[in-house]
Amino acid sequence: MNRNVILTCAVTGAGETTAKNPHVPVTPKQIADDCIAAAKAGASIAHIHVRDPETGSVSHSTDHFREVIERVREADTDIVMNITAGGGGDWIPDATDPTRGGPGTDIQTPAERHAPVGELLPELCTLDCGSLNFGDMVYVNTADWLREHARLVQAAGVKPELECFDLGHVWFARQLQQEGLIDGDPLYQLCLGIPWGAEADTETMLAMRNKLPENANWAAFGIGRHQMPMAAQAVLLGGHARVGLEDNLYLEKGVLATNAQLVEKAASLFENLGARVMTPAETRAQLTLRDPNTGNIVSGGDA
């Protein structure tokens, strides 16, 4: 069991969830406010996507990311910032010409995905480690694209969170390490319950965990009703955890959640198991991250 837990709050995501829960933040100000609220509730890390403020749909705008980060950094409450670099991989074949992307397709090059990271230099960014059938679409991450993206993240000095949606993704993430494209102790995020990737159950999480390198830090999350059970299971298996409205809209059956409520519920769950949530400062030291105030890398002895 892990008794010192890094708790991530994924505050909004990119899915069509805004009509299902009015608490899902849309504008940069709303997203920043939810990051701050999650921090006050006890979260160690805020994982952020951004949305078009007018439509609520996915946005890749560096300006939107910048506004979120600046608003959070100007607040009195500290939290580690992790911005997505996994957008622009959605492929839906056109019904009349399957060689072309149809409505809903959103493809970016590795350089385009990396642009907000390279400019804003957050402490963490995601690196999704493979392709998969993601519900009714295909999420595209070819091996050469991922190598190119890993090089860009490495050159920027940002630590990648290696998101793995299936067991083969763990295999490829290890390959990136072997090729020297991941520096230091890696950080893995095991993503469970997305159709048709890894299932959200103990056997799947354990199988993926057992394939991780010995020096890995790792976390896991489950979507929907699996969110809290998978958070607890990750802690019991020695890992960290993620909650938030990106992955789950409900506090309990029939009760819509806020991000802060989900953080509070997870933190209480961990405390009842005999664990505690790590502070942002402790998280930077554990993961060897850059201090946003000084620009210096924080090591384990600096916690």
C-alpha atoms as a PDB file:
ATOM      1  CA  MET A   1       0.000   0.000   0.000  1.00  0.00           C
ATOM      2  CA  ASN A   2       1.105   3.560  -0.736  1.00  0.00           C
ATOM      3  CA  ARG A   3       0.659   5.779   2.328  1.00  0.00           C
ATOM      4  CA  ASN A   4       1.787   9.028   0.627  1.00  0.00           C
ATOM      5  CA  VAL A   5      -0.513   9.635  -2.318  1.00  0.00           C
ATOM      6  CA  ILE A   6      -0.206  12.112  -5.168  1.00  0.00           C
ATOM      7  CA  LEU A   7      -3.789  13.045  -6.026  1.00  0.00           C
ATOM      8  CA  THR A   8      -4.485  14.496  -9.471  1.00  0.00           C
ATOM      9  CA  CYS A   9      -7.702  16.312 -10.344  1.00  0.00           C
ATOM     10  CA  ALA A  10      -8.546  16.235 -14.074  1.00  0.00           C
ATOM     11  CA  VAL A  11     -10.867  19.193 -14.122  1.00  0.00           C
ATOM     12  CA  THR A  12     -12.606  19.279 -17.516  1.00  0.00           C
ATOM     13  CA  GLY A  13     -11.426  16.978 -20.342  1.00  0.00           C
ATOM     14  CA  ALA A  14     -12.503  17.389 -23.954  1.00  0.00           C
ATOM     15  CA  GLY A  15     -15.623  15.243 -24.116  1.00  0.00           C
ATOM     16  CA  GLU A  16     -19.198  16.361 -24.662  1.00  0.00           C
ATOM     17  CA  THR A  17     -19.969  16.547 -20.953  1.00  0.00           C
ATOM     18  CA  THR A  18     -20.904  20.182 -20.428  1.00  0.00           C
ATOM     19  CA  ALA A  19     -24.619  19.542 -21.073  1.00  0.00           C
ATOM     20  CA  LYS A  20     -24.593  16.621 -18.640  1.00  0.00           C
ATOM     21  CA  ASN A  21     -23.177  18.440 -15.624  1.00  0.00           C
ATOM     22  CA  PRO A  22     -23.326  22.249 -15.242  1.00  0.00           C
ATOM     23  CA  HIS A  23     -20.262  22.128 -12.972  1.00  0.00           C
ATOM     24  CA  VAL A  24     -17.937  21.147 -15.852  1.00  0.00           C
ATOM     25  CA  PRO A  25     -15.774  24.251 -16.393  1.00  0.00           C
ATOM     26  CA  VAL A  26     -15.580  25.716 -19.899  1.00  0.00           C
ATOM     27  CA  THR A  27     -13.911  29.143 -19.996  1.00  0.00           C
ATOM     28  CA  PRO A  28     -10.261  29.612 -18.995  1.00  0.00           C
ATOM     29  CA  LYS A  29     -11.414  31.476 -15.875  1.00  0.00           C
ATOM     30  CA  GLN A  30     -13.788  28.663 -14.902  1.00  0.00           C
ATOM     31  CA  ILE A  31     -11.096  26.047 -15.489  1.00  0.00           C
ATOM     32  CA  ALA A  32      -8.574  28.025 -13.436  1.00  0.00           C
ATOM     33  CA  ASP A  33     -11.118  28.538 -10.650  1.00  0.00           C
ATOM     34  CA  ASP A  34     -11.722  24.790 -10.536  1.00  0.00           C
ATOM     35  CA  CYS A  35      -7.976  24.107 -10.383  1.00  0.00           C
ATOM     36  CA  ILE A  36      -7.751  26.463  -7.426  1.00  0.00           C
ATOM     37  CA  ALA A  37     -10.798  24.905  -5.751  1.00  0.00           C
ATOM     38  CA  ALA A  38      -9.307  21.426  -6.266  1.00  0.00           C
ATOM     39  CA  ALA A  39      -6.046  22.618  -4.692  1.00  0.00           C
ATOM     40  CA  LYS A  40      -7.892  23.998  -1.671  1.00  0.00           C
ATOM     41  CA  ALA A  41      -9.713  20.675  -1.387  1.00  0.00           C
ATOM     42  CA  GLY A  42      -6.328  18.920  -1.221  1.00  0.00           C
ATOM     43  CA  ALA A  43      -5.321  17.994  -4.779  1.00  0.00           C
ATOM     44  CA  SER A  44      -1.607  17.715  -5.542  1.00  0.00           C
ATOM     45  CA  ILE A  45      -1.840  18.138  -9.339  1.00  0.00           C
ATOM     46  CA  ALA A  46      -4.319  19.776 -11.707  1.00  0.00           C
ATOM     47  CA  HIS A  47      -4.582  18.113 -15.120  1.00  0.00           C
ATOM     48  CA  ILE A  48      -6.078  20.491 -17.654  1.00  0.00           C
ATOM     49  CA  HIS A  49      -7.620  20.526 -21.076  1.00  0.00           C
ATOM     50  CA  VAL A  50      -9.068  23.746 -22.458  1.00  0.00           C
ATOM     51  CA  ARG A  51     -12.307  24.361 -24.316  1.00  0.00           C
ATOM     52  CA  ASP A  52     -13.685  26.899 -26.739  1.00  0.00           C
ATOM     53  CA  PRO A  53     -15.356  29.441 -24.424  1.00  0.00           C
ATOM     54  CA  GLU A  54     -18.224  29.941 -26.893  1.00  0.00           C
ATOM     55  CA  THR A  55     -19.064  26.334 -27.802  1.00  0.00           C
ATOM     56  CA  GLY A  56     -17.582  24.274 -24.962  1.00  0.00           C
ATOM     57  CA  SER A  57     -15.900  21.981 -27.491  1.00  0.00           C
ATOM     58  CA  VAL A  58     -12.225  21.028 -27.475  1.00  0.00           C
ATOM     59  CA  SER A  59      -9.647  23.763 -27.961  1.00  0.00           C
ATOM     60  CA  HIS A  60      -5.915  23.530 -28.603  1.00  0.00           C
ATOM     61  CA  SER A  61      -5.330  27.253 -28.103  1.00  0.00           C
ATOM     62  CA  THR A  62      -2.055  28.136 -26.415  1.00  0.00           C
ATOM     63  CA  ASP A  63      -3.684  31.404 -25.311  1.00  0.00           C
ATOM     64  CA  HIS A  64      -6.393  29.489 -23.463  1.00  0.00           C
ATOM     65  CA  PHE A  65      -3.800  27.317 -21.718  1.00  0.00           C
ATOM     66  CA  ARG A  66      -1.768  30.419 -20.880  1.00  0.00           C
ATOM     67  CA  GLU A  67      -4.730  32.157 -19.268  1.00  0.00           C
ATOM     68  CA  VAL A  68      -5.501  29.121 -17.116  1.00  0.00           C
ATOM     69  CA  ILE A  69      -1.910  28.768 -15.934  1.00  0.00           C
ATOM     70  CA  GLU A  70      -1.480  32.485 -15.248  1.00  0.00           C
ATOM     71  CA  ARG A  71      -4.700  32.664 -13.243  1.00  0.00           C
ATOM     72  CA  VAL A  72      -3.718  29.637 -11.157  1.00  0.00           C
ATOM     73  CA  ARG A  73      -0.174  30.899 -10.579  1.00  0.00           C
ATOM     74  CA  GLU A  74      -1.499  34.290  -9.454  1.00  0.00           C
ATOM     75  CA  ALA A  75      -3.656  32.630  -6.783  1.00  0.00           C
ATOM     76  CA  ASP A  76      -2.442  32.043  -3.252  1.00  0.00           C
ATOM     77  CA  THR A  77      -3.053  28.287  -3.470  1.00  0.00           C
ATOM     78  CA  ASP A  78      -0.254  26.112  -4.870  1.00  0.00           C
ATOM     79  CA  ILE A  79      -0.815  23.151  -7.195  1.00  0.00           C
ATOM     80  CA  VAL A  80       1.313  21.299  -9.764  1.00  0.00           C
ATOM     81  CA  MET A  81       0.162  22.012 -13.328  1.00  0.00           C
ATOM     82  CA  ASN A  82      -0.146  19.215 -15.873  1.00  0.00           C
ATOM     83  CA  ILE A  83      -1.442  20.236 -19.298  1.00  0.00           C
ATOM     84  CA  THR A  84      -2.612  17.788 -21.901  1.00  0.00           C
ATOM     85  CA  ALA A  85      -0.526  17.244 -25.002  1.00  0.00           C
ATOM     86  CA  GLY A  86      -2.717  14.389 -26.215  1.00  0.00           C
ATOM     87  CA  GLY A  87      -5.275  16.351 -28.211  1.00  0.00           C
ATOM     88  CA  GLY A  88      -5.538  16.208 -31.974  1.00  0.00           C
ATOM     89  CA  GLY A  89      -5.586  12.435 -32.322  1.00  0.00           C
ATOM     90  CA  ASP A  90      -9.253  11.758 -33.093  1.00  0.00           C
ATOM     91  CA  TRP A  91      -9.997   9.905 -36.332  1.00  0.00           C
ATOM     92  CA  ILE A  92     -13.519   9.118 -37.573  1.00  0.00           C
ATOM     93  CA  PRO A  93     -13.591   7.759 -41.151  1.00  0.00           C
ATOM     94  CA  ASP A  94     -15.856   9.630 -43.544  1.00  0.00           C
ATOM     95  CA  ALA A  95     -18.949   7.572 -44.317  1.00  0.00           C
ATOM     96  CA  THR A  96     -18.624   8.030 -48.083  1.00  0.00           C
ATOM     97  CA  ASP A  97     -14.821   7.990 -48.336  1.00  0.00           C
ATOM     98  CA  PRO A  98     -13.158   6.078 -45.478  1.00  0.00           C
ATOM     99  CA  THR A  99      -9.701   7.205 -46.655  1.00  0.00           C
ATOM    100  CA  ARG A 100     -10.582  10.660 -45.318  1.00  0.00           C
ATOM    101  CA  GLY A 101     -11.552  11.905 -41.903  1.00  0.00           C
ATOM    102  CA  GLY A 102     -15.219  12.663 -41.458  1.00  0.00           C
ATOM    103  CA  PRO A 103     -17.046  14.990 -39.038  1.00  0.00           C
ATOM    104  CA  GLY A 104     -15.454  14.901 -35.606  1.00  0.00           C
ATOM    105  CA  THR A 105     -11.974  14.101 -36.889  1.00  0.00           C
ATOM    106  CA  ASP A 106      -9.323  16.239 -35.179  1.00  0.00           C
ATOM    107  CA  ILE A 107      -5.721  15.409 -36.090  1.00  0.00           C
ATOM    108  CA  GLN A 108      -2.621  17.388 -35.121  1.00  0.00           C
ATOM    109  CA  THR A 109       1.053  16.737 -35.790  1.00  0.00           C
ATOM    110  CA  PRO A 110       3.381  16.111 -32.822  1.00  0.00           C
ATOM    111  CA  ALA A 111       4.741  19.651 -33.178  1.00  0.00           C
ATOM    112  CA  GLU A 112       1.217  21.088 -33.039  1.00  0.00           C
ATOM    113  CA  ARG A 113       0.327  19.001 -29.985  1.00  0.00           C
ATOM    114  CA  HIS A 114       3.513  20.123 -28.283  1.00  0.00           C
ATOM    115  CA  ALA A 115       3.167  23.845 -29.031  1.00  0.00           C
ATOM    116  CA  PRO A 116       1.454  24.892 -25.748  1.00  0.00           C
ATOM    117  CA  VAL A 117       3.889  22.772 -23.729  1.00  0.00           C
ATOM    118  CA  GLY A 118       6.960  24.167 -25.453  1.00  0.00           C
ATOM    119  CA  GLU A 119       5.808  27.740 -24.971  1.00  0.00           C
ATOM    120  CA  LEU A 120       4.332  27.574 -21.462  1.00  0.00           C
ATOM    121  CA  LEU A 121       6.683  24.975 -19.881  1.00  0.00           C
ATOM    122  CA  PRO A 122       4.337  23.439 -17.307  1.00  0.00           C
ATOM    123  CA  GLU A 123       5.734  21.096 -14.688  1.00  0.00           C
ATOM    124  CA  LEU A 124       4.070  18.091 -16.357  1.00  0.00           C
ATOM    125  CA  CYS A 125       2.446  17.234 -19.666  1.00  0.00           C
ATOM    126  CA  THR A 126       0.817  14.079 -20.952  1.00  0.00           C
ATOM    127  CA  LEU A 127       2.315  11.757 -23.546  1.00  0.00           C
ATOM    128  CA  ASP A 128      -0.268   9.207 -24.691  1.00  0.00           C
ATOM    129  CA  CYS A 129       1.631   6.055 -25.531  1.00  0.00           C
ATOM    130  CA  GLY A 130      -0.321   4.381 -28.311  1.00  0.00           C
ATOM    131  CA  SER A 131      -3.353   4.198 -30.562  1.00  0.00           C
ATOM    132  CA  LEU A 132      -6.634   2.480 -29.711  1.00  0.00           C
ATOM    133  CA  ASN A 133     -10.316   2.196 -30.519  1.00  0.00           C
ATOM    134  CA  PHE A 134     -11.579   4.996 -28.263  1.00  0.00           C
ATOM    135  CA  GLY A 135     -15.316   4.401 -28.128  1.00  0.00           C
ATOM    136  CA  ASP A 136     -16.570   4.801 -31.692  1.00  0.00           C
ATOM    137  CA  MET A 137     -13.496   6.625 -32.988  1.00  0.00           C
ATOM    138  CA  VAL A 138      -9.827   5.745 -33.379  1.00  0.00           C
ATOM    139  CA  TYR A 139      -7.304   7.638 -31.267  1.00  0.00           C
ATOM    140  CA  VAL A 140      -4.163   7.892 -33.407  1.00  0.00           C
ATOM    141  CA  ASN A 141      -0.622   7.838 -32.009  1.00  0.00           C
ATOM    142  CA  THR A 142       1.834   6.149 -34.354  1.00  0.00           C
ATOM    143  CA  ALA A 143       5.174   5.003 -32.996  1.00  0.00           C
ATOM    144  CA  ASP A 144       7.200   7.527 -34.991  1.00  0.00           C
ATOM    145  CA  TRP A 145       4.868  10.359 -33.948  1.00  0.00           C
ATOM    146  CA  LEU A 146       5.347   9.386 -30.323  1.00  0.00           C
ATOM    147  CA  ARG A 147       9.118   9.294 -30.659  1.00  0.00           C
ATOM    148  CA  GLU A 148       9.050  12.766 -32.214  1.00  0.00           C
ATOM    149  CA  HIS A 149       6.719  14.034 -29.495  1.00  0.00           C
ATOM    150  CA  ALA A 150       8.881  12.517 -26.736  1.00  0.00           C
ATOM    151  CA  ARG A 151      11.948  14.287 -28.146  1.00  0.00           C
ATOM    152  CA  LEU A 152      10.111  17.628 -28.112  1.00  0.00           C
ATOM    153  CA  VAL A 153       8.980  17.168 -24.509  1.00  0.00           C
ATOM    154  CA  GLN A 154      12.469  16.085 -23.481  1.00  0.00           C
ATOM    155  CA  ALA A 155      14.082  19.107 -25.148  1.00  0.00           C
ATOM    156  CA  ALA A 156      11.632  21.422 -23.357  1.00  0.00           C
ATOM    157  CA  GLY A 157      12.668  20.004 -19.980  1.00  0.00           C
ATOM    158  CA  VAL A 158       9.080  19.099 -19.066  1.00  0.00           C
ATOM    159  CA  LYS A 159       8.372  15.773 -17.370  1.00  0.00           C
ATOM    160  CA  PRO A 160       5.982  13.589 -19.375  1.00  0.00           C
ATOM    161  CA  GLU A 161       3.164  11.693 -17.745  1.00  0.00           C
ATOM    162  CA  LEU A 162       3.076   8.481 -19.783  1.00  0.00           C
ATOM    163  CA  GLU A 163      -0.605   7.765 -20.299  1.00  0.00           C
ATOM    164  CA  CYS A 164      -1.296   4.098 -21.015  1.00  0.00           C
ATOM    165  CA  PHE A 165      -4.755   2.984 -22.123  1.00  0.00           C
ATOM    166  CA  ASP A 166      -3.780  -0.654 -22.707  1.00  0.00           C
ATOM    167  CA  LEU A 167      -0.997  -3.098 -21.886  1.00  0.00           C
ATOM    168  CA  GLY A 168       0.781  -2.535 -25.200  1.00  0.00           C
ATOM    169  CA  HIS A 169       1.070   1.140 -24.348  1.00  0.00           C
ATOM    170  CA  VAL A 170       3.102   0.231 -21.256  1.00  0.00           C
ATOM    171  CA  TRP A 171       5.358  -1.847 -23.502  1.00  0.00           C
ATOM    172  CA  PHE A 172       5.909   1.079 -25.872  1.00  0.00           C
ATOM    173  CA  ALA A 173       6.511   3.526 -23.004  1.00  0.00           C
ATOM    174  CA  ARG A 174       9.255   1.214 -21.756  1.00  0.00           C
ATOM    175  CA  GLN A 175      10.673   1.237 -25.281  1.00  0.00           C
ATOM    176  CA  LEU A 176      10.825   5.045 -25.206  1.00  0.00           C
ATOM    177  CA  GLN A 177      12.840   4.767 -22.002  1.00  0.00           C
ATOM    178  CA  GLN A 178      15.189   2.220 -23.531  1.00  0.00           C
ATOM    179  CA  GLU A 179      15.770   4.581 -26.460  1.00  0.00           C
ATOM    180  CA  GLY A 180      16.749   7.365 -24.050  1.00  0.00           C
ATOM    181  CA  LEU A 181      13.702   9.525 -24.766  1.00  0.00           C
ATOM    182  CA  ILE A 182      12.436   9.628 -21.156  1.00  0.00           C
ATOM    183  CA  ASP A 183      14.701  11.187 -18.534  1.00  0.00           C
ATOM    184  CA  GLY A 184      14.910  10.190 -14.879  1.00  0.00           C
ATOM    185  CA  ASP A 185      12.345   8.106 -13.028  1.00  0.00           C
ATOM    186  CA  PRO A 186       9.293   7.831 -15.311  1.00  0.00           C
ATOM    187  CA  LEU A 187       5.738   8.735 -14.355  1.00  0.00           C
ATOM    188  CA  TYR A 188       3.023   6.417 -15.675  1.00  0.00           C
ATOM    189  CA  GLN A 189      -0.741   6.993 -15.680  1.00  0.00           C
ATOM    190  CA  LEU A 190      -2.838   3.848 -16.153  1.00  0.00           C
ATOM    191  CA  CYS A 191      -6.104   4.842 -17.832  1.00  0.00           C
ATOM    192  CA  LEU A 192      -8.858   2.289 -17.172  1.00  0.00           C
ATOM    193  CA  GLY A 193     -12.407   1.820 -18.361  1.00  0.00           C
ATOM    194  CA  ILE A 194     -12.337   3.661 -21.706  1.00  0.00           C
ATOM    195  CA  PRO A 195     -14.045   1.527 -24.368  1.00  0.00           C
ATOM    196  CA  TRP A 196     -12.145  -0.311 -25.887  1.00  0.00           C
ATOM    197  CA  GLY A 197      -8.952  -0.102 -23.924  1.00  0.00           C
ATOM    198  CA  ALA A 198      -7.933  -1.573 -20.594  1.00  0.00           C
ATOM    199  CA  GLU A 199     -10.842  -2.582 -18.370  1.00  0.00           C
ATOM    200  CA  ALA A 200     -11.371  -0.963 -14.987  1.00  0.00           C
ATOM    201  CA  ASP A 201     -10.773  -3.900 -12.674  1.00  0.00           C
ATOM    202  CA  THR A 202      -8.143  -5.157 -10.264  1.00  0.00           C
ATOM    203  CA  GLU A 203      -6.736  -7.842 -12.574  1.00  0.00           C
ATOM    204  CA  THR A 204      -6.100  -5.357 -15.386  1.00  0.00           C
ATOM    205  CA  MET A 205      -4.533  -2.731 -13.128  1.00  0.00           C
ATOM    206  CA  LEU A 206      -2.296  -5.333 -11.523  1.00  0.00           C
ATOM    207  CA  ALA A 207      -1.202  -6.719 -14.894  1.00  0.00           C
ATOM    208  CA  MET A 208      -0.267  -3.239 -16.109  1.00  0.00           C
ATOM    209  CA  ARG A 209       1.452  -2.317 -12.852  1.00  0.00           C
ATOM    210  CA  ASN A 210       3.524  -5.492 -12.976  1.00  0.00           C
ATOM    211  CA  LYS A 211       4.922  -4.476 -16.370  1.00  0.00           C
ATOM    212  CA  LEU A 212       6.189  -1.091 -15.154  1.00  0.00           C
ATOM    213  CA  PRO A 213       9.912  -0.415 -14.679  1.00  0.00           C
ATOM    214  CA  GLU A 214      11.208  -0.744 -11.131  1.00  0.00           C
ATOM    215  CA  ASN A 215      11.976   2.981 -10.912  1.00  0.00           C
ATOM    216  CA  ALA A 216       8.527   4.102 -12.067  1.00  0.00           C
ATOM    217  CA  ASN A 217       6.139   6.364 -10.220  1.00  0.00           C
ATOM    218  CA  TRP A 218       2.626   5.445 -11.264  1.00  0.00           C
ATOM    219  CA  ALA A 219      -0.991   6.412 -10.857  1.00  0.00           C
ATOM    220  CA  ALA A 220      -4.276   5.107 -12.174  1.00  0.00           C
ATOM    221  CA  PHE A 221      -7.843   6.197 -12.755  1.00  0.00           C
ATOM    222  CA  GLY A 222     -11.153   4.667 -13.746  1.00  0.00           C
ATOM    223  CA  ILE A 223     -13.976   6.464 -15.518  1.00  0.00           C
ATOM    224  CA  GLY A 224     -17.583   6.860 -14.415  1.00  0.00           C
ATOM    225  CA  ARG A 225     -18.682   4.683 -11.510  1.00  0.00           C
ATOM    226  CA  HIS A 226     -15.224   3.094 -11.452  1.00  0.00           C
ATOM    227  CA  GLN A 227     -13.527   6.331 -10.376  1.00  0.00           C
ATOM    228  CA  MET A 228     -13.400   5.854  -6.601  1.00  0.00           C
ATOM    229  CA  PRO A 229     -12.925   2.053  -6.621  1.00  0.00           C
ATOM    230  CA  MET A 230      -9.964   2.365  -9.007  1.00  0.00           C
ATOM    231  CA  ALA A 231      -8.513   5.251  -6.977  1.00  0.00           C
ATOM    232  CA  ALA A 232      -8.625   3.112  -3.857  1.00  0.00           C
ATOM    233  CA  GLN A 233      -7.255   0.092  -5.721  1.00  0.00           C
ATOM    234  CA  ALA A 234      -4.317   2.100  -7.056  1.00  0.00           C
ATOM    235  CA  VAL A 235      -3.365   3.202  -3.545  1.00  0.00           C
ATOM    236  CA  LEU A 236      -3.681  -0.351  -2.202  1.00  0.00           C
ATOM    237  CA  LEU A 237      -1.379  -1.581  -4.996  1.00  0.00           C
ATOM    238  CA  GLY A 238       1.256   1.053  -4.217  1.00  0.00           C
ATOM    239  CA  GLY A 239       0.329   3.782  -6.692  1.00  0.00           C
ATOM    240  CA  HIS A 240      -1.155   7.249  -6.860  1.00  0.00           C
ATOM    241  CA  ALA A 241      -4.596   8.291  -8.095  1.00  0.00           C
ATOM    242  CA  ARG A 242      -6.640  10.649 -10.255  1.00  0.00           C
ATOM    243  CA  VAL A 243     -10.209  11.892  -9.950  1.00  0.00           C
ATOM    244  CA  GLY A 244     -12.140  14.785 -11.501  1.00  0.00           C
ATOM    245  CA  LEU A 245     -14.918  15.747 -13.898  1.00  0.00           C
ATOM    246  CA  GLU A 246     -12.917  14.734 -16.965  1.00  0.00           C
ATOM    247  CA  ASP A 247     -13.466  11.118 -15.979  1.00  0.00           C
ATOM    248  CA  ASN A 248     -16.654  11.075 -13.886  1.00  0.00           C
ATOM    249  CA  LEU A 249     -19.582  13.475 -13.447  1.00  0.00           C
ATOM    250  CA  TYR A 250     -21.177  12.076 -10.290  1.00  0.00           C
ATOM    251  CA  LEU A 251     -20.423  12.266  -6.573  1.00  0.00           C
ATOM    252  CA  GLU A 252     -22.757   9.330  -6.010  1.00  0.00           C
ATOM    253  CA  LYS A 253     -25.619   7.799  -7.954  1.00  0.00           C
ATOM    254  CA  GLY A 254     -27.899  10.586  -9.137  1.00  0.00           C
ATOM    255  CA  VAL A 255     -25.856  13.372  -7.518  1.00  0.00           C
ATOM    256  CA  LEU A 256     -23.797  15.576  -9.856  1.00  0.00           C
ATOM    257  CA  ALA A 257     -20.312  16.416  -8.565  1.00  0.00           C
ATOM    258  CA  THR A 258     -17.940  19.339  -8.539  1.00  0.00           C
ATOM    259  CA  ASN A 259     -14.209  18.832  -8.905  1.00  0.00           C
ATOM    260  CA  ALA A 260     -13.595  19.949  -5.318  1.00  0.00           C
ATOM    261  CA  GLN A 261     -16.144  17.432  -4.023  1.00  0.00           C
ATOM    262  CA  LEU A 262     -14.461  14.583  -5.882  1.00  0.00           C
ATOM    263  CA  VAL A 263     -11.063  15.582  -4.469  1.00  0.00           C
ATOM    264  CA  GLU A 264     -12.481  15.768  -0.951  1.00  0.00           C
ATOM    265  CA  LYS A 265     -14.148  12.370  -1.334  1.00  0.00           C
ATOM    266  CA  ALA A 266     -10.951  10.742  -2.601  1.00  0.00           C
ATOM    267  CA  ALA A 267      -8.794  12.361   0.085  1.00  0.00           C
ATOM    268  CA  SER A 268     -11.193  11.142   2.785  1.00  0.00           C
ATOM    269  CA  LEU A 269     -11.165   7.661   1.256  1.00  0.00           C
ATOM    270  CA  PHE A 270      -7.363   7.550   1.350  1.00  0.00           C
ATOM    271  CA  GLU A 271      -7.287   8.797   4.934  1.00  0.00           C
ATOM    272  CA  ASN A 272      -9.686   6.038   5.955  1.00  0.00           C
ATOM    273  CA  LEU A 273      -7.296   3.547   4.361  1.00  0.00           C
ATOM    274  CA  GLY A 274      -4.418   4.978   6.428  1.00  0.00           C
ATOM    275  CA  ALA A 275      -2.847   7.147   3.709  1.00  0.00           C
ATOM    276  CA  ARG A 276      -2.409  10.896   3.204  1.00  0.00           C
ATOM    277  CA  VAL A 277      -2.395  13.168   0.159  1.00  0.00           C
ATOM    278  CA  MET A 278       0.949  14.771  -0.654  1.00  0.00           C
ATOM    279  CA  THR A 279       1.289  18.531  -0.945  1.00  0.00           C
ATOM    280  CA  PRO A 280       2.293  20.122  -4.256  1.00  0.00           C
ATOM    281  CA  ALA A 281       5.775  20.802  -2.846  1.00  0.00           C
ATOM    282  CA  GLU A 282       6.164  17.168  -1.803  1.00  0.00           C
ATOM    283  CA  THR A 283       4.881  16.102  -5.219  1.00  0.00           C
ATOM    284  CA  ARG A 284       7.528  18.159  -7.010  1.00  0.00           C
ATOM    285  CA  ALA A 285      10.216  16.546  -4.892  1.00  0.00           C
ATOM    286  CA  GLN A 286       8.822  13.037  -5.414  1.00  0.00           C
ATOM    287  CA  LEU A 287       8.630  13.451  -9.202  1.00  0.00           C
ATOM    288  CA  THR A 288      11.724  15.697  -9.593  1.00  0.00           C
ATOM    289  CA  LEU A 289       9.798  18.572 -11.163  1.00  0.00           C
ATOM    290  CA  ARG A 290      10.695  22.163 -11.935  1.00  0.00           C
ATOM    291  CA  ASP A 291       9.662  24.719  -9.302  1.00  0.00           C
ATOM    292  CA  PRO A 292       7.528  27.267 -11.204  1.00  0.00           C
ATOM    293  CA  ASN A 293       8.714  30.099  -8.952  1.00  0.00           C
ATOM    294  CA  THR A 294      12.471  29.530  -9.227  1.00  0.00           C
ATOM    295  CA  GLY A 295      12.802  27.432 -12.371  1.00  0.00           C
ATOM    296  CA  ASN A 296      15.007  25.003 -10.438  1.00  0.00           C
ATOM    297  CA  ILE A 297      14.485  21.236 -10.395  1.00  0.00           C
ATOM    298  CA  VAL A 298      13.216  20.034  -7.020  1.00  0.00           C
ATOM    299  CA  SER A 299      14.837  16.827  -5.755  1.00  0.00           C
ATOM    300  CA  GLY A 300      13.742  14.410  -3.048  1.00  0.00           C
ATOM    301  CA  GLY A 301      15.770  16.174  -0.383  1.00  0.00           C
ATOM    302  CA  ASP A 302      13.994  19.476  -1.069  1.00  0.00           C
ATOM    303  CA  ALA A 303      10.551  18.359   0.056  1.00  0.00           C
END
